[in-house]
Structure formats: structure tokens, C-alpha cells
Protein backbone atom coordinates (compact mmCIF):
# COMPACT_ATOMS: atom_id res chain seq x y z
CA MET A 1 -27.14 44.22 45.89
CA ARG A 2 -27.80 47.95 45.50
CA PRO A 3 -30.94 49.60 46.98
CA LEU A 4 -34.12 49.39 44.93
CA LYS A 5 -36.07 52.59 44.30
CA HIS A 6 -39.87 52.65 44.42
CA VAL A 7 -39.94 49.01 45.62
CA PRO A 8 -41.68 48.10 48.91
CA THR A 9 -39.30 47.27 51.74
CA ALA A 10 -40.81 43.81 52.05
CA VAL A 11 -40.16 42.95 48.40
CA GLU A 12 -36.61 44.29 48.66
CA ALA A 13 -36.12 41.96 51.64
CA ALA A 14 -37.19 39.06 49.41
CA PHE A 15 -34.51 40.01 46.88
CA ARG A 16 -31.90 40.03 49.64
CA ALA A 17 -32.98 36.50 50.59
CA LEU A 18 -32.55 35.37 46.97
CA GLN A 19 -28.90 36.43 46.65
CA PHE A 20 -26.44 33.70 45.76
CA GLU A 21 -23.69 35.42 47.73
CA LYS A 22 -24.15 37.51 50.90
CA ARG A 23 -27.69 36.20 51.27
CA GLU A 24 -29.67 37.77 54.13
CA THR A 25 -32.97 36.35 55.38
CA LEU A 26 -33.38 37.95 58.82
CA THR A 27 -35.35 40.96 57.56
CA LEU A 28 -37.64 38.71 55.55
CA SER A 29 -38.41 36.43 58.50
CA ARG A 30 -39.50 39.46 60.58
CA LEU A 31 -42.12 40.79 58.13
CA SER A 32 -45.70 41.40 59.21
CA ASP A 33 -48.52 39.35 57.69
CA PRO A 34 -49.59 42.14 55.27
CA GLU A 35 -45.98 42.52 54.16
CA TRP A 36 -45.72 38.79 53.60
CA ARG A 37 -48.84 38.86 51.44
CA GLN A 38 -47.21 41.62 49.38
CA VAL A 39 -44.07 39.51 48.96
CA LEU A 40 -45.96 36.38 47.98
CA ASP A 41 -48.14 38.25 45.50
CA TYR A 42 -45.04 39.66 43.81
CA CYS A 43 -43.09 36.38 43.85
CA ASP A 44 -46.05 34.40 42.47
CA ARG A 45 -46.33 36.74 39.49
CA MET A 46 -42.57 36.85 38.92
CA HIS A 47 -41.95 33.09 39.24
CA LEU A 48 -39.82 33.46 42.37
CA THR A 49 -41.97 31.79 45.04
CA LEU A 50 -40.48 28.32 44.68
CA ALA A 51 -36.94 29.74 44.84
CA LEU A 52 -37.83 31.67 47.98
CA ALA A 53 -39.34 28.52 49.50
CA ARG A 54 -35.87 27.01 50.04
CA ASP A 55 -35.66 29.03 53.29
CA ARG A 56 -39.25 28.44 54.40
CA SER A 57 -38.28 26.84 57.72
CA GLU A 58 -37.49 30.39 58.95
CA PHE A 59 -40.85 31.85 57.91
CA PRO A 60 -44.20 32.16 59.78
CA GLY A 61 -46.37 29.06 59.89
CA TRP A 62 -49.02 30.24 57.42
CA VAL A 63 -46.31 31.29 54.95
CA ARG A 64 -44.65 27.87 55.23
CA ALA A 65 -48.01 26.19 54.66
CA ARG A 66 -48.70 28.29 51.57
CA MET A 67 -45.25 27.61 50.15
CA GLU A 68 -45.51 23.88 50.85
CA GLN A 69 -48.87 23.82 49.07
CA ALA A 70 -47.29 25.64 46.13
CA VAL A 71 -44.48 23.07 45.96
CA SER A 72 -46.97 20.19 46.18
CA SER A 73 -49.28 21.67 43.55
CA ASN A 74 -46.38 22.38 41.24
CA ALA A 75 -45.21 18.77 41.55
CA ALA A 76 -48.68 17.64 40.49
CA ARG A 77 -48.59 20.10 37.59
CA PHE A 78 -45.28 18.65 36.42
CA GLU A 79 -46.76 15.16 36.23
CA ARG A 80 -49.54 16.54 34.06
CA MET A 81 -47.04 18.47 31.94
CA LYS A 82 -44.99 15.30 31.52
CA ALA A 83 -48.00 13.31 30.30
CA VAL A 84 -48.98 16.05 27.84
CA TYR A 85 -45.44 16.29 26.48
CA CYS A 86 -45.11 12.51 26.03
CA GLN A 87 -48.39 12.39 24.09
CA ALA A 88 -47.28 15.20 21.78
CA GLU A 89 -43.78 13.76 21.37
CA ASP A 90 -45.27 10.44 20.28
CA ARG A 91 -47.54 12.16 17.76
CA LEU A 92 -44.76 14.25 16.24
CA ALA A 93 -42.43 11.25 16.09
CA GLN A 94 -45.05 9.23 14.20
CA ALA A 95 -45.37 12.10 11.72
CA GLY A 96 -41.57 12.22 11.29
CA ILE A 97 -41.32 15.82 12.53
CA GLU A 98 -38.05 16.86 14.14
CA PHE A 99 -38.10 19.33 16.99
CA LEU A 100 -36.31 20.33 20.16
CA VAL A 101 -37.64 21.40 23.55
CA LEU A 102 -36.89 24.90 24.85
CA LYS A 103 -36.86 26.11 28.47
CA GLY A 104 -39.26 24.41 30.90
CA PHE A 105 -38.09 21.07 32.28
CA THR A 106 -34.95 21.25 30.12
CA HIS A 107 -33.62 23.86 32.57
CA VAL A 108 -32.93 21.12 35.13
CA PRO A 109 -30.34 20.88 36.63
CA ARG A 110 -28.22 23.87 35.55
CA PHE A 111 -30.84 26.61 35.92
CA VAL A 112 -32.83 24.97 38.74
CA SER A 113 -32.00 21.93 40.85
CA ASP A 114 -35.36 20.13 40.74
CA VAL A 115 -37.99 20.10 38.01
CA ARG A 116 -40.68 20.39 40.68
CA LEU A 117 -39.23 23.71 41.82
CA ARG A 118 -39.74 25.40 38.46
CA VAL A 119 -43.08 26.89 37.42
CA GLN A 120 -43.98 25.87 33.87
CA TYR A 121 -47.16 26.79 32.03
CA ASP A 122 -46.13 26.23 28.39
CA ILE A 123 -44.29 23.52 26.50
CA ASP A 124 -42.05 25.36 24.06
CA LEU A 125 -40.94 23.42 21.00
CA PHE A 126 -38.68 24.61 18.21
CA CYS A 127 -39.25 23.36 14.67
CA PRO A 128 -37.57 24.55 11.46
CA ARG A 129 -39.76 26.91 9.42
CA ASP A 130 -40.48 24.26 6.78
CA SER A 131 -42.08 21.90 9.31
CA VAL A 132 -43.55 24.15 12.02
CA VAL A 133 -46.98 24.36 10.36
CA GLN A 134 -47.09 20.59 9.98
CA ALA A 135 -46.24 20.27 13.69
CA ARG A 136 -49.08 22.66 14.51
CA ASP A 137 -51.52 20.60 12.44
CA GLU A 138 -50.50 17.41 14.26
CA LEU A 139 -51.16 19.04 17.63
CA ILE A 140 -54.51 20.31 16.38
CA ARG A 141 -55.40 16.68 15.64
CA LEU A 142 -54.73 15.99 19.33
CA GLY A 143 -57.45 18.49 20.27
CA TYR A 144 -55.51 21.73 20.55
CA GLU A 145 -56.73 25.01 19.06
CA PRO A 146 -54.80 28.17 18.13
CA LEU A 147 -55.31 31.02 20.59
CA HIS A 148 -56.91 33.74 18.49
CA GLY A 149 -56.00 37.42 18.62
CA PHE A 150 -52.21 37.06 18.59
CA ASP A 151 -51.59 36.45 14.88
CA GLN A 152 -50.24 39.96 14.25
CA PHE A 153 -48.11 40.27 17.37
CA PRO A 154 -44.30 40.36 16.96
CA ILE A 155 -43.41 36.99 18.45
CA ASP A 156 -41.03 34.22 17.46
CA HIS A 157 -43.62 31.45 17.58
CA LEU A 158 -47.01 30.60 16.13
CA PRO A 159 -50.10 31.52 18.18
CA ALA A 160 -50.22 29.32 21.29
CA LEU A 161 -52.13 26.06 21.08
CA ILE A 162 -54.61 25.36 23.88
CA ARG A 163 -57.25 22.82 24.78
CA LYS A 164 -60.66 24.19 25.68
CA THR A 165 -61.18 22.19 28.85
CA GLY A 166 -63.47 24.71 30.52
CA TRP A 167 -60.84 25.74 33.07
CA GLU A 168 -61.02 29.33 34.30
CA TRP A 169 -58.54 31.43 36.25
CA THR A 170 -59.03 31.30 40.04
CA GLY A 171 -56.07 33.42 41.14
CA ASP A 172 -53.93 30.38 42.03
CA PHE A 173 -50.65 30.46 40.11
CA PHE A 174 -49.95 26.83 41.10
CA ASP A 175 -53.35 25.35 40.28
CA PRO A 176 -52.63 21.79 39.05
CA GLU A 177 -55.61 22.08 36.71
CA ILE A 178 -54.13 24.92 34.62
CA PRO A 179 -54.12 23.39 31.12
CA PRO A 180 -50.63 23.16 29.60
CA ARG A 181 -50.34 24.87 26.24
CA PHE A 182 -47.88 24.52 23.37
CA GLU A 183 -45.84 27.26 21.72
CA LEU A 184 -44.21 26.26 18.43
CA HIS A 185 -41.15 28.41 17.76
CA TYR A 186 -39.65 28.83 14.30
CA GLN A 187 -36.77 31.20 15.19
CA PHE A 188 -34.48 31.70 18.16
CA TRP A 189 -34.36 35.49 17.89
CA ASP A 190 -36.71 38.01 16.26
CA SER A 191 -34.20 40.36 14.64
CA SER A 192 -36.84 42.05 12.47
CA THR A 193 -38.67 43.35 15.55
CA GLU A 194 -35.74 44.00 17.87
CA ARG A 195 -33.64 45.44 15.01
CA LEU A 196 -30.60 43.62 16.39
CA GLU A 197 -28.88 41.18 14.04
CA LEU A 198 -27.16 38.19 15.64
CA LYS A 199 -24.73 35.84 13.96
CA GLY A 200 -24.71 32.12 14.63
CA VAL A 201 -28.04 31.58 16.41
CA ASP A 202 -29.15 29.30 13.56
CA GLN A 203 -26.39 26.92 14.67
CA PHE A 204 -28.35 26.17 17.86
CA TRP A 205 -30.47 23.71 15.90
CA LYS A 206 -27.46 21.88 14.46
CA ARG A 207 -25.85 21.46 17.90
CA ARG A 208 -28.96 19.97 19.58
CA VAL A 209 -28.48 17.06 21.97
CA VAL A 210 -30.72 14.35 23.44
CA ARG A 211 -31.27 14.25 27.20
CA ASP A 212 -33.13 12.09 29.72
CA LEU A 213 -35.11 13.36 32.70
CA GLU A 214 -37.77 11.77 34.89
CA GLY A 215 -38.45 8.99 32.37
CA MET A 216 -38.58 11.39 29.41
CA ARG A 217 -36.13 11.38 26.52
CA PHE A 218 -36.09 14.61 24.55
CA PRO A 219 -33.99 16.66 22.10
CA THR A 220 -32.92 20.04 23.43
CA LEU A 221 -30.23 22.70 23.22
CA ASP A 222 -26.60 22.10 24.02
CA SER A 223 -25.80 23.59 27.45
CA VAL A 224 -23.89 26.56 25.98
CA ASP A 225 -26.77 27.36 23.65
CA ALA A 226 -29.31 26.77 26.41
CA LEU A 227 -27.70 29.56 28.43
CA GLY A 228 -27.56 31.75 25.34
CA TYR A 229 -31.22 31.17 24.55
CA ALA A 230 -32.26 31.82 28.16
CA ALA A 231 -30.38 35.13 28.05
CA LEU A 232 -31.98 36.08 24.72
CA HIS A 233 -35.41 35.15 26.04
CA ALA A 234 -34.92 37.36 29.08
CA LEU A 235 -33.54 40.18 26.92
CA ARG A 236 -36.49 40.04 24.54
CA HIS A 237 -38.92 40.45 27.43
CA LEU A 238 -36.73 43.17 28.95
CA LEU A 239 -36.72 45.20 25.73
CA ARG A 240 -40.49 44.77 25.39
CA GLY A 241 -41.17 45.85 28.95
CA ASP A 242 -42.63 42.62 30.33
CA LEU A 243 -39.66 40.89 31.95
CA ARG A 244 -40.30 38.51 34.85
CA THR A 245 -37.49 38.67 37.38
CA GLY A 246 -37.64 34.88 37.64
CA HIS A 247 -36.15 34.70 34.13
CA VAL A 248 -33.07 36.57 35.31
CA TYR A 249 -32.90 34.56 38.54
CA GLU A 250 -32.56 31.32 36.55
CA VAL A 251 -29.75 32.81 34.47
CA ALA A 252 -28.04 33.90 37.71
CA SER A 253 -28.38 30.35 39.07
CA PHE A 254 -26.67 28.93 35.97
CA LEU A 255 -23.89 31.54 36.10
CA TYR A 256 -23.28 30.88 39.80
CA GLY A 257 -22.98 27.13 39.26
CA ALA A 258 -20.76 27.49 36.18
CA SER A 259 -18.51 30.28 37.45
CA GLY A 260 -15.54 27.92 37.88
CA ASP A 261 -16.16 25.75 34.80
CA GLU A 262 -13.34 26.90 32.52
CA LYS A 263 -14.14 24.40 29.77
CA PHE A 264 -17.73 25.64 29.55
CA TRP A 265 -16.59 29.24 29.06
CA ARG A 266 -13.96 28.26 26.50
CA ASP A 267 -16.72 26.54 24.54
CA TRP A 268 -18.92 29.61 24.99
CA ARG A 269 -16.32 31.88 23.46
CA ALA A 270 -15.66 29.43 20.63
CA LEU A 271 -19.30 28.75 19.74
CA HIS A 272 -20.97 32.15 20.24
CA ASP A 273 -20.23 35.08 17.98
CA GLU A 274 -19.26 38.44 19.48
CA SER A 275 -22.67 39.89 18.58
CA LEU A 276 -24.39 37.16 20.59
CA ARG A 277 -21.99 37.32 23.54
CA THR A 278 -22.58 41.07 23.83
CA LEU A 279 -26.34 40.62 24.31
CA GLU A 280 -25.85 37.63 26.59
CA CYS A 281 -23.49 39.59 28.82
CA LEU A 282 -25.96 42.43 29.12
CA VAL A 283 -28.31 39.95 30.81
CA PHE A 284 -25.45 38.38 32.75
CA ALA A 285 -24.56 41.81 34.16
CA LEU A 286 -28.15 42.31 35.35
CA ALA A 287 -28.18 38.82 36.88
CA ALA A 288 -25.03 39.58 38.85
CA ASP A 289 -26.40 42.97 39.90
CA TRP A 290 -29.81 41.70 41.03
CA PHE A 291 -28.82 38.37 42.59
CA SER A 292 -25.10 38.63 43.46
CA CYS A 293 -23.95 35.59 41.52
CA ALA A 294 -20.26 34.97 40.88
CA LEU A 295 -19.08 35.44 37.30
CA ASN A 296 -16.31 33.66 35.47
CA PRO A 297 -13.40 35.97 34.47
CA ALA A 298 -14.26 35.43 30.78
CA VAL A 299 -17.71 36.87 31.43
CA GLN A 300 -16.30 39.74 33.50
CA ARG A 301 -13.99 40.71 30.63
CA GLN A 302 -16.86 40.57 28.13
CA ILE A 303 -19.04 42.76 30.37
CA ALA A 304 -16.19 45.26 30.73
CA GLY A 305 -16.19 45.55 26.94
CA LEU A 306 -19.90 46.33 26.58
CA PRO A 307 -20.77 49.55 24.73
CA SER A 308 -20.47 52.62 26.97
CA GLY A 309 -24.17 53.45 26.59
CA VAL A 310 -25.14 49.97 27.77
CA LYS A 311 -22.83 50.15 30.79
CA GLN A 312 -24.20 53.58 31.62
CA TRP A 313 -27.77 52.26 31.47
CA ILE A 314 -26.94 49.32 33.73
CA ALA A 315 -25.28 51.64 36.25
CA GLU A 316 -28.09 54.20 36.26
CA ARG A 317 -31.23 52.26 35.28
CA GLY A 318 -30.32 48.63 35.85
CA THR A 319 -33.00 48.07 38.50
CA ALA A 320 -35.76 49.81 36.49
CA PRO A 321 -37.33 46.51 35.31
CA ILE A 322 -37.84 45.49 38.97
CA GLU A 323 -39.18 48.91 39.90
CA ALA A 324 -41.62 48.99 36.96
CA THR A 325 -43.99 46.63 38.79
CA PHE A 326 -44.55 49.30 41.43
CA ARG A 327 -43.95 52.50 39.46
CA PRO A 328 -44.45 51.92 35.72
CA ASN A 329 -41.61 53.04 33.46
CA LYS A 330 -40.18 52.35 30.03
CA HIS A 331 -36.53 52.98 30.84
CA GLU A 332 -35.60 49.85 28.90
CA LEU A 333 -36.33 51.85 25.73
CA TRP A 334 -33.10 53.83 26.20
CA LEU A 335 -31.13 50.62 26.64
CA HIS A 336 -32.60 49.33 23.39
CA LEU A 337 -31.71 52.53 21.54
CA SER A 338 -28.16 52.33 22.93
CA LEU A 339 -27.77 49.00 21.14
CA LEU A 340 -28.95 50.28 17.75
CA GLN A 341 -26.83 51.95 15.09
CA SER A 342 -29.21 53.42 12.51
CA ARG A 343 -31.75 56.20 12.92
CA ARG A 344 -34.29 54.13 11.00
CA ASP A 345 -34.04 51.28 13.50
CA ARG A 346 -34.29 53.67 16.42
CA ALA A 347 -37.37 55.35 14.94
CA ALA A 348 -39.07 51.97 14.43
CA VAL A 349 -38.44 50.92 18.01
CA ILE A 350 -39.57 54.27 19.43
CA ARG A 351 -42.78 54.13 17.40
CA ARG A 352 -43.54 50.56 18.47
CA ARG A 353 -42.82 51.10 22.17
CA LEU A 354 -44.35 54.54 22.69
CA PHE A 355 -47.33 54.32 20.34
CA PRO A 356 -48.46 50.66 20.21
CA LEU A 357 -51.29 50.28 17.70
CA ARG A 358 -52.21 46.61 18.10
CA MET A 359 -55.16 45.67 20.27
CA PRO A 360 -54.44 43.09 23.02
CA GLY A 361 -55.42 39.48 22.42
CA GLN A 362 -57.90 37.46 24.47
CA VAL A 363 -57.47 37.72 28.23
CA ASP A 364 -60.47 35.82 29.64
CA ALA A 365 -62.22 32.46 29.24
CA VAL A 366 -59.79 31.30 26.55
CA HIS A 367 -60.18 27.67 27.69
CA VAL A 368 -63.99 27.72 27.75
CA PRO A 369 -65.60 25.90 24.77
CA ASP A 370 -67.91 27.95 22.59
CA ASP A 371 -70.94 25.85 23.47
CA ARG A 372 -70.49 26.78 27.14
CA MET A 373 -70.22 30.51 26.48
CA THR A 374 -73.65 31.73 27.52
CA LEU A 375 -74.85 35.24 26.72
CA ARG A 376 -74.07 36.28 30.28
CA ARG A 377 -70.58 34.74 30.10
CA ARG A 378 -69.85 36.48 26.80
CA ALA A 379 -70.91 39.80 28.30
CA LEU A 380 -68.56 39.21 31.26
CA GLN A 381 -65.73 38.28 28.87
CA GLN A 382 -66.26 41.46 26.88
CA ALA A 383 -66.41 43.62 30.03
CA ARG A 384 -63.15 42.15 31.30
CA TYR A 385 -61.52 42.65 27.92
CA LEU A 386 -62.59 46.31 27.77
CA ARG A 387 -61.34 46.84 31.31
CA TYR A 388 -58.00 45.32 30.35
CA VAL A 389 -57.73 47.46 27.21
CA ALA A 390 -58.52 50.55 29.28
CA SER A 391 -55.82 49.62 31.79
CA ARG A 392 -53.24 49.20 29.01
CA PHE A 393 -54.22 52.54 27.45
CA THR A 394 -53.92 54.21 30.85
CA HIS A 395 -50.52 52.59 31.38
CA HIS A 396 -49.09 53.73 28.04
CA ALA A 397 -50.57 57.23 28.36
CA GLY A 398 -49.34 57.57 31.93
CA VAL A 399 -45.73 56.74 31.15
CA LEU A 400 -45.48 58.60 27.83
CA ILE A 401 -44.46 62.04 29.14
CA PRO A 402 -42.11 60.70 31.88
CA THR A 403 -40.51 58.40 29.28
CA LEU A 404 -39.92 61.24 26.83
CA TRP A 405 -38.54 63.47 29.59
CA ASN A 406 -36.19 60.75 30.82
CA GLY A 407 -35.12 60.20 27.22
CA VAL A 408 -34.20 63.84 26.80
CA ARG A 409 -32.16 63.74 30.03
CA TRP A 410 -30.54 60.45 29.00
CA TRP A 411 -29.38 61.63 25.59
CA TRP A 412 -28.31 65.03 26.96
CA ARG A 413 -26.08 63.41 29.57
CA SER A 414 -24.75 60.93 27.03
CA SER A 415 -23.84 63.70 24.58
CA ILE A 416 -22.06 65.67 27.31
CA GLU A 417 -20.05 62.64 28.41
CA THR A 418 -19.18 61.79 24.80
CA THR A 419 -17.99 65.38 24.19
CA SER A 420 -15.91 65.38 27.37
CA PHE A 421 -13.85 62.43 26.10
CA ARG A 422 -12.91 64.13 22.86
């Protein structure tokens, strides 16, 4: 793993402990209590705490206790998630609605060994466009409500469905009482927003399989497509500047376990079009870079054939998404532009990323019923919303000039290197 710029030493030590090869935990075990709190805060937000907990026997007592509580609470959350899913599955089956489950518990065992060691807040279901609204209506009949304020956002699913149980955020990422919510997807990739056309992703639905886990029976993606979708999901968040490193860690875990599975990679090459494999391998390259996972030779060859601009970005800016938590940046914009061919597409992406015009959706008290929203509570909700909007405005304004300057340097270097090869 290469050094991380602008990242606290303690957090970098956590990354070294999460490597699949050449893992090093000594530095992490010697951290001070304030450094450990910094690590845990980062890992909680990035969905890495449960992965880090595999080595908890080496950590200070209070850290072990906190991690064990997180594991225990997450196990309780899974039981709740399981009950919620089974209720919804029964309802959709009675209505004759076909669907498949994305991510979440379907990632066991190839992305994560135990369902209780994966944080899951949403249940993501895919339905064809002609039945997704009917599926939404059936879940509304179960007491779910659409989360307002996200209707105009560029996403590949309907607004999330929640139950207004009265729960409010306490700062505990593993709170067993966090209400599960549903996201109903109607496409596997949002090409209209990302401006990147992919061939063959519609075949994911036709290749779906049925699996069993922990007493549940559910339709989901074929393993080759599951890896492809996980990579696309991570890439989407990367290009939009809100990637959680835990997404990439799970991809690295799959790659590490499948590195010697020649049949899997033959199927991968046969089933996934070149356009899809290119984007997948971009994420695979980051996974190998961040978490030192072995790669099958077929993947190595595909990475070697990535566009020169993409390889240059990975070499020079590949750790920028990790560093953005501590020093905000939008370096992923230049990666995105390196993948695009037309000026029109590039202009659309630049406009959306540098000058976002949509107001954020709700950020507070979304699970509180209207009849419990007192005047004082509404005032607090509005104050928190305005504070959040101000923070987002400050973020975008603060990174605008550095982003433009880095863009000028990026394209200048790229043009020089291109000229030198002529």
C-alpha cells in the first residue's frame, strides 16, 4: 500500500491492518486513546469497523469492548432486517411482483464471510420498470412512506421508503433500533447521469438466481453479475464524490477470494461486455491499490489495457477518495472526464459536479411522525437543515478554485504526454 497524503497517521495504520496481503497491525495496536477514537470514528462512517474487528484481540480493552458491542448490535440489527425483508417478500409474492435483492445480505459469503459482520441499513430490491411502482404501492400498504425531497435527484431508484417509527439519530452507527428502509431500483446503471453507456447490464435480470441464507430464500444476482454490480455501485459513488471505502473493501475481499478461480473469470469475460469490464477494472485497480488483494491474471491484463488517462489518474490521484474525508477534493472529476468522449458529455458532468443546483433532501427527523413534530421540534429540524445546507455550500465553494486549478494542471500534463508520444 502506498502512503496516504493528508490522512492522519492513525487512520493510515487502520488501512495497513486491513490489507489482504502484507497486513500489518503492530502500529495500530500501539495507538493512543485519542488516535483510536479517530480511527473508530472514521471506520464507523466508512463501514470498516466490523472488518477491523477481526484483529480486536490485539487492541486495548475499551476498543475491544466497543467493537464487541458493535458486532453484537449488528447481529441484532440483522435479525430485524431479516424479519422486515420476509414480510415484504411475502407481500410482493402475493401481489405477483417479481424482484431480486441487491447488495446487503446477498454479499455473503463472497464479499464478507458472515452476514453479521456486514453493516446494512437499506434493503435494495430491483424490479423492472413496468412493475416498480406497483412494488412501491405494496410496500406503502405495509406502512412505508416515500422519503420526500429526493424526487429530482439523479439516482437509479425511487425515493427511499421508510416507516415513521419515531426513531431519531443518536450517533450510534450500530443502533439495533435504526429502522430498515427499502430502495426500489429500476436500473442497474444510470447512464443518462454518468454519461457512460454500458452494454449488457440489462442481462443481469435475466441471469438472476435463487439463493438460501439464514432461513431466507431470495432471488438475487448471479455471482459474476453481483461482482459487476458491486463495482458499478462503488464507481457511481466515486464519480459523485461520496464513496465509502467499505464499498471498495468488499470488492477487494471478493477479488482476493476469487483470484485463483479460473472458471469464474472465464465466465466474467464471456458474460460482461468490454465496456462493462473496463469500468469494473477501474474499481478493481483501486481495490488492489488500497487493500493489497491478489488479482487474477485476466483482471491484470484488463487493467493493463485501461485508457491511458484512467491509468494516469489511478497512479497520481488514486488515493484522493480516501484523502477527501480529511482534505476535501473533487479529483474524481478528472477521472470521470477521462472516461468521456464528447465535449457535450464533459460539459454536462462539469456543470453538475462544480455547480450543483439542487437543494439537499431531508436530513433530520425523517422517521418522526407528523403528529409528534411539535413547533419546537420543527424549528430544530429547520435549523439543522439550514446548517447542513450551509456546510454543503461551504464545501462546494471551498473546493471550486483548487478543483479548477488541479484540472488545468491535469489537462496540461496530459496534453504534454500525449504530444511526446507522437
